[in-house]
Every structure is written in C-alpha cells, then in structure tokens.
Amino acid sequence: MRIMFVSVLTLTLSLVGCYYDNEEDLYLGSNTCDTTGVTYSASVAPVFAGYCYSCHSGSAPSGGIKVDSYSSVVANITRIRGAINHQPGFLAMPQNGGSLSGCDLTIIDIWIREGMPEN
C-alpha cells in the first residue's frame, strides 16, 4: 500500500512539475526564427500582409501609408520602422494590438540592414 502511494505521488508530482515550463523551451524547433536568406517577397511582405494590409492597403490606406507593395514600403520605411518598433514620436503599430513578434521585427531589420533589396 505504501509503495502504491509513493508511486502515485511521484507520478502526480512529475506531471504537475511541467506546468510552469516556458512554451519555447518545451517545443524547441516549432517556434524557431529563421533569419537565413531573408528576402522581401518571402520574408518581409508576408509580415506586412499578416499585420498591416487590413488598414494599410488599397486606395485609401490609413495614415496615407501603404505597405502592399515593395515601392510603398521602401518610400515609407522610416515611419514604418518607427511605428512597428514602438519608438517615441511614432504611432505604435499595429494600432490597438500587440507588437509584432521579435522574430518578425528581426527579419525586417535584417532586410533593412541588407539595403532593402527587391527580391
């Protein structure tokens, strides 16, 4: 009886022990950020499509800033970068939402640092 109690207690404690683990540590590989081979079309444009197109595309984009084409992103990159990084003096974007993920911000920064190639 005592052995069964100790076994059940050990099993219970081992299962409960994972409750506070960090999700990123638990699922390594599923949340990795691939920053190799950053391109506008495959890496940067999908970020803008996912977060920004609903307000910043079409014929009447919010704030007069469009992000649905390479040329419009490059023309507004200073304002875009300030807004998505929540820098002082810029309206934080996405508006009424959280920040872009650290990975998405890193991808955009790499693309800018590499000279904003149209690729």
Protein backbone atom coordinates (compact mmCIF):
# COMPACT_ATOMS: atom_id res chain seq x y z
CA MET A 1 0.00 0.00 0.00
CA ARG A 2 2.81 2.39 0.91
CA ILE A 3 4.64 1.64 -2.37
CA MET A 4 1.48 2.40 -4.35
CA PHE A 5 1.00 5.70 -2.51
CA VAL A 6 4.61 6.75 -3.18
CA SER A 7 4.27 5.74 -6.84
CA VAL A 8 1.07 7.75 -7.31
CA LEU A 9 2.57 10.74 -5.51
CA THR A 10 5.73 10.60 -7.64
CA LEU A 11 3.71 10.36 -10.85
CA THR A 12 1.47 13.26 -9.82
CA LEU A 13 4.42 15.49 -8.91
CA SER A 14 6.22 14.70 -12.15
CA LEU A 15 3.17 15.65 -14.22
CA VAL A 16 2.49 18.83 -12.26
CA GLY A 17 6.16 19.81 -12.40
CA CYS A 18 5.87 20.77 -16.08
CA TYR A 19 3.03 23.21 -15.52
CA TYR A 20 5.20 26.33 -15.31
CA ASP A 21 7.63 25.43 -18.08
CA ASN A 22 8.26 28.01 -20.76
CA GLU A 23 6.47 27.06 -24.00
CA GLU A 24 9.51 27.98 -26.09
CA ASP A 25 11.65 25.57 -24.05
CA LEU A 26 9.08 22.80 -24.31
CA TYR A 27 8.63 22.98 -28.06
CA LEU A 28 12.07 23.75 -29.39
CA GLY A 29 12.10 23.82 -33.14
CA SER A 30 8.45 24.70 -33.59
CA ASN A 31 8.91 28.38 -32.72
CA THR A 32 12.30 28.99 -34.24
CA CYS A 33 13.02 32.15 -36.13
CA ASP A 34 14.64 31.55 -39.49
CA THR A 35 16.70 34.60 -40.36
CA THR A 36 18.73 32.97 -43.10
CA GLY A 37 18.10 34.11 -46.63
CA VAL A 38 15.77 36.99 -45.75
CA THR A 39 14.03 38.30 -48.87
CA TYR A 40 11.34 40.91 -49.38
CA SER A 41 8.88 38.58 -51.13
CA ALA A 42 9.31 35.51 -48.92
CA SER A 43 10.12 37.07 -45.54
CA VAL A 44 9.11 40.73 -45.26
CA ALA A 45 5.96 41.02 -47.39
CA PRO A 46 4.19 38.18 -45.50
CA VAL A 47 4.75 40.04 -42.21
CA PHE A 48 3.09 43.16 -43.60
CA ALA A 49 0.32 41.07 -45.16
CA GLY A 50 -0.43 39.41 -41.84
CA TYR A 51 -0.38 42.51 -39.65
CA CYS A 52 -0.90 45.56 -41.83
CA TYR A 53 -2.79 45.04 -45.08
CA SER A 54 -6.23 45.36 -43.50
CA CYS A 55 -5.57 49.07 -42.79
CA HIS A 56 -2.59 49.98 -44.99
CA SER A 57 -3.51 48.85 -48.49
CA GLY A 58 -5.92 49.77 -51.22
CA SER A 59 -6.96 53.20 -52.46
CA ALA A 60 -7.41 54.85 -49.03
CA PRO A 61 -4.75 53.46 -46.69
CA SER A 62 -4.81 54.53 -43.05
CA GLY A 63 -2.43 57.42 -42.37
CA GLY A 64 -1.63 57.57 -46.07
CA ILE A 65 0.85 54.72 -45.67
CA LYS A 66 0.59 51.69 -47.92
CA VAL A 67 2.55 48.53 -47.26
CA ASP A 68 1.12 46.35 -50.01
CA SER A 69 3.96 46.89 -52.47
CA TYR A 70 7.73 47.00 -52.38
CA SER A 71 7.92 50.60 -53.57
CA SER A 72 5.47 51.91 -50.98
CA VAL A 73 7.26 50.10 -48.14
CA VAL A 74 10.64 51.50 -49.19
CA ALA A 75 9.18 55.02 -49.56
CA ASN A 76 7.80 54.90 -46.00
CA ILE A 77 10.38 52.71 -44.25
CA THR A 78 11.39 55.31 -41.64
CA ARG A 79 7.81 55.76 -40.46
CA ILE A 80 7.06 52.04 -40.70
CA ARG A 81 10.13 51.05 -38.73
CA GLY A 82 9.45 53.64 -36.01
CA ALA A 83 5.82 52.53 -35.71
CA ILE A 84 6.41 48.78 -35.58
CA ASN A 85 9.24 49.20 -33.06
CA HIS A 86 7.03 51.47 -30.90
CA GLN A 87 9.64 54.23 -30.91
CA PRO A 88 8.89 57.61 -29.31
CA GLY A 89 7.34 60.06 -31.77
CA PHE A 90 5.63 57.33 -33.81
CA LEU A 91 2.14 55.90 -33.51
CA ALA A 92 2.67 52.32 -32.29
CA MET A 93 1.55 49.71 -34.80
CA PRO A 94 -0.35 47.54 -35.12
CA GLN A 95 -2.83 50.00 -33.66
CA ASN A 96 -4.92 48.62 -30.78
CA GLY A 97 -2.89 45.42 -30.90
CA GLY A 98 0.25 43.91 -29.57
CA SER A 99 3.66 44.24 -31.07
CA LEU A 100 4.93 42.24 -33.97
CA SER A 101 6.87 39.21 -32.80
CA GLY A 102 10.54 39.59 -32.05
CA CYS A 103 11.24 37.30 -34.98
CA ASP A 104 9.22 39.46 -37.41
CA LEU A 105 10.98 42.62 -36.20
CA THR A 106 14.37 40.94 -36.61
CA ILE A 107 13.52 39.84 -40.15
CA ILE A 108 12.54 43.37 -41.12
CA ASP A 109 15.69 44.80 -39.50
CA ILE A 110 17.89 42.33 -41.39
CA TRP A 111 16.21 43.26 -44.67
CA ILE A 112 16.74 46.97 -43.97
CA ARG A 113 20.36 46.40 -42.93
CA GLU A 114 20.97 44.50 -46.19
CA GLY A 115 19.86 47.55 -48.17
CA MET A 116 16.16 46.66 -48.68
CA PRO A 117 16.68 44.57 -51.82
CA GLU A 118 13.67 43.87 -54.00
CA ASN A 119 13.87 40.10 -54.07
